[in-house]
Protein backbone atom coordinates (compact mmCIF):
# COMPACT_ATOMS: atom_id res chain seq x y z
CA MET A 1 -4.91 -8.55 32.55
CA PHE A 2 -7.82 -7.67 30.23
CA CYS A 3 -7.92 -11.16 28.77
CA ARG A 4 -7.96 -12.74 32.22
CA SER A 5 -10.42 -10.18 33.63
CA SER A 6 -12.81 -10.64 30.73
CA GLY A 7 -12.77 -14.43 30.93
CA ASN A 8 -10.65 -14.84 27.79
CA GLU A 9 -7.56 -16.29 29.44
CA GLY A 10 -6.64 -18.32 26.33
CA MET A 11 -6.09 -15.19 24.24
CA GLU A 12 -2.68 -13.67 23.72
CA PRO A 13 -2.43 -10.55 25.94
CA LEU A 14 -2.46 -7.94 23.15
CA LEU A 15 -4.60 -4.81 23.03
CA SER A 16 -5.81 -5.85 19.60
CA ASN A 17 -7.41 -8.89 21.26
CA VAL A 18 -9.36 -6.71 23.70
CA GLU A 19 -12.80 -5.41 22.85
CA PRO A 20 -13.27 -1.67 23.57
CA ARG A 21 -16.14 -2.48 25.96
CA THR A 22 -13.87 -4.84 27.92
CA TYR A 23 -11.19 -2.16 28.11
CA GLU A 24 -13.70 0.38 29.45
CA THR A 25 -14.88 -2.08 32.09
CA HIS A 26 -11.42 -3.08 33.30
CA LYS A 27 -9.15 -0.08 32.61
CA CYS A 28 -9.24 0.94 36.27
CA LYS A 29 -7.08 -2.13 37.00
CA LEU A 30 -4.15 -0.79 34.97
CA GLU A 31 -1.44 1.43 36.33
CA PRO A 32 -2.03 5.03 35.16
CA SER A 33 0.66 5.22 32.46
CA LEU A 34 -0.47 1.95 30.88
CA ALA A 35 -4.10 3.03 31.05
CA ARG A 36 -3.23 6.26 29.17
CA ARG A 37 -1.36 4.33 26.49
CA ALA A 38 -4.23 1.91 26.10
CA GLU A 39 -6.58 4.90 25.90
CA HIS A 40 -4.50 6.25 23.01
CA TYR A 41 -4.75 2.90 21.23
CA PHE A 42 -8.53 2.61 21.57
CA SER A 43 -9.26 6.27 20.86
CA GLU A 44 -6.92 6.19 17.84
CA ASN A 45 -8.86 3.25 16.39
CA MET A 46 -12.10 5.23 16.78
CA ARG A 47 -10.52 8.30 15.16
CA VAL A 48 -9.51 6.20 12.15
CA ILE A 49 -13.09 4.98 11.68
CA LYS A 50 -14.49 8.49 12.09
CA GLY A 51 -11.75 9.85 9.83
CA LEU A 52 -12.77 7.50 7.03
CA GLU A 53 -16.35 8.74 7.37
CA ALA A 54 -15.32 12.41 7.43
CA TRP A 55 -13.04 11.98 4.40
CA ALA A 56 -15.66 10.05 2.43
CA SER A 57 -18.25 12.76 3.09
CA GLY A 58 -15.82 15.58 2.23
CA ASN A 59 -15.92 17.04 5.74
CA LEU A 60 -12.39 18.43 5.84
CA GLU A 61 -12.93 20.32 9.10
CA ASP A 62 -13.94 17.18 10.99
CA PHE A 63 -11.11 15.22 9.39
CA GLY A 64 -8.66 17.90 10.54
CA LYS A 65 -10.06 17.86 14.08
CA LEU A 66 -9.52 14.10 14.22
CA ILE A 67 -5.91 14.50 13.05
CA SER A 68 -5.30 17.10 15.75
CA ALA A 69 -6.96 14.93 18.40
CA SER A 70 -4.60 12.15 17.38
CA GLY A 71 -1.65 14.48 17.88
CA LEU A 72 -2.87 15.58 21.30
CA SER A 73 -3.48 11.99 22.37
CA SER A 74 0.05 11.11 21.26
CA ILE A 75 1.37 13.81 23.56
CA GLN A 76 -0.92 13.32 26.56
CA ASN A 77 -1.71 9.61 26.52
CA TYR A 78 1.17 7.98 24.69
CA GLU A 79 3.69 10.43 26.17
CA CYS A 80 5.64 10.97 22.98
CA GLY A 81 7.16 14.08 21.55
CA CYS A 82 10.09 16.20 22.62
CA GLU A 83 9.67 19.90 23.41
CA PRO A 84 10.66 21.18 19.93
CA LEU A 85 8.28 18.74 18.25
CA ILE A 86 5.39 19.58 20.57
CA GLN A 87 6.03 23.28 19.93
CA LEU A 88 5.93 22.62 16.18
CA TYR A 89 2.61 20.78 16.58
CA GLU A 90 1.16 23.73 18.52
CA ILE A 91 2.40 26.23 15.93
CA LEU A 92 0.83 24.21 13.13
CA LEU A 93 -2.52 24.31 14.90
CA ARG A 94 -2.39 28.12 14.85
CA ALA A 95 -1.22 28.44 11.25
CA PRO A 96 -3.63 29.89 8.69
CA GLY A 97 -5.59 27.34 6.72
CA VAL A 98 -4.54 24.34 8.82
CA TYR A 99 -7.38 21.88 9.35
CA GLY A 100 -5.32 19.63 11.63
CA ALA A 101 -1.84 18.45 12.57
CA ARG A 102 -0.16 15.47 14.18
CA PHE A 103 3.19 13.76 14.63
CA SER A 104 4.64 11.48 12.00
CA GLY A 105 7.55 9.15 12.58
CA ALA A 106 6.13 8.12 15.98
CA GLY A 107 6.71 11.52 17.57
CA PHE A 108 10.10 10.74 19.06
CA ARG A 109 12.14 13.46 17.34
CA GLY A 110 10.28 12.75 14.12
CA CYS A 111 8.29 15.38 12.30
CA CYS A 112 4.82 16.83 12.11
CA ILE A 113 2.37 16.78 9.26
CA ALA A 114 -0.48 19.18 8.73
CA PHE A 115 -3.60 18.99 6.61
CA VAL A 116 -3.85 22.45 5.05
CA ASP A 117 -6.20 24.28 2.72
CA ALA A 118 -4.21 24.41 -0.54
CA ASN A 119 -5.01 28.13 -0.94
CA CYS A 120 -3.24 28.85 2.36
CA ALA A 121 -0.26 26.50 2.05
CA ILE A 122 2.41 29.13 1.30
CA GLU A 123 1.11 31.46 4.01
CA ALA A 124 0.95 28.59 6.50
CA ALA A 125 4.51 27.51 5.67
CA SER A 126 5.80 31.05 6.20
CA PHE A 127 3.93 31.32 9.50
CA VAL A 128 5.39 28.03 10.73
CA ARG A 129 8.96 29.02 9.77
CA ASN A 130 8.65 32.40 11.52
CA GLU A 131 6.97 31.14 14.69
CA TYR A 132 9.28 28.16 15.08
CA LYS A 133 12.31 30.42 14.73
CA LYS A 134 10.99 32.51 17.65
CA LEU A 135 10.62 29.49 19.96
CA GLN A 136 13.66 27.49 18.81
CA PRO A 137 16.17 30.04 17.45
CA LYS A 138 19.21 27.83 17.99
CA LEU A 139 17.63 24.77 16.43
CA ALA A 140 16.10 26.78 13.60
CA SER A 141 19.48 28.33 12.77
CA GLN A 142 20.99 24.84 12.31
CA ILE A 143 18.62 23.83 9.52
CA ASN A 144 17.89 25.09 6.05
CA GLN A 145 14.75 27.16 6.63
CA GLU A 146 13.54 26.74 3.05
CA ASN A 147 13.43 22.95 3.36
CA VAL A 148 12.13 22.68 6.91
CA VAL A 149 8.54 23.05 5.70
CA LEU A 150 7.57 20.99 2.67
CA ILE A 151 4.34 21.53 0.80
CA CYS A 152 3.08 18.30 -0.74
CA ASP A 153 0.12 17.55 -2.95
CA THR A 154 -2.04 14.51 -2.53
CA ALA A 155 -2.12 11.79 -5.15
CA ASP A 156 -4.64 9.17 -6.17
CA CYS A 157 -2.78 6.30 -4.53
CA ALA A 158 0.57 4.62 -4.15
CA CYS A 159 1.91 3.21 -7.40
CA VAL A 160 5.06 1.91 -9.04
CA ILE A 161 6.82 4.58 -11.08
């Protein structure tokens, strides 16, 4: 629809072939659920660009806000995430030292990741374990609580070991 509406009928009908300005002009022609999903796509691309800038400038707070906005858009616009996963995301946002959180593994019964101040990592992990157990006691009792929250350090880059 965007390709035809924008005069680019010869293009393959993929969102990656649609300019953000064209999307903004013609998004009203989409059914609501498709418009929300397209909104996630375009807003996610902008978050990546802004995230690169925030990371490069050392602005961890802004980087975290972008991660969290990505998570919220995944829930609201892309309609992913089951109740336990959404609850985990919300708990992470309240945990001490967390700059931001989002789904990983596409959000369909995957997992969440959080960007956390290293000085608060152990406290944040304990908070998440305790709060999740309150909201999902049955599910929490089925898993090893010590391994449900993993604290990972960053590395320079991917490499062959």
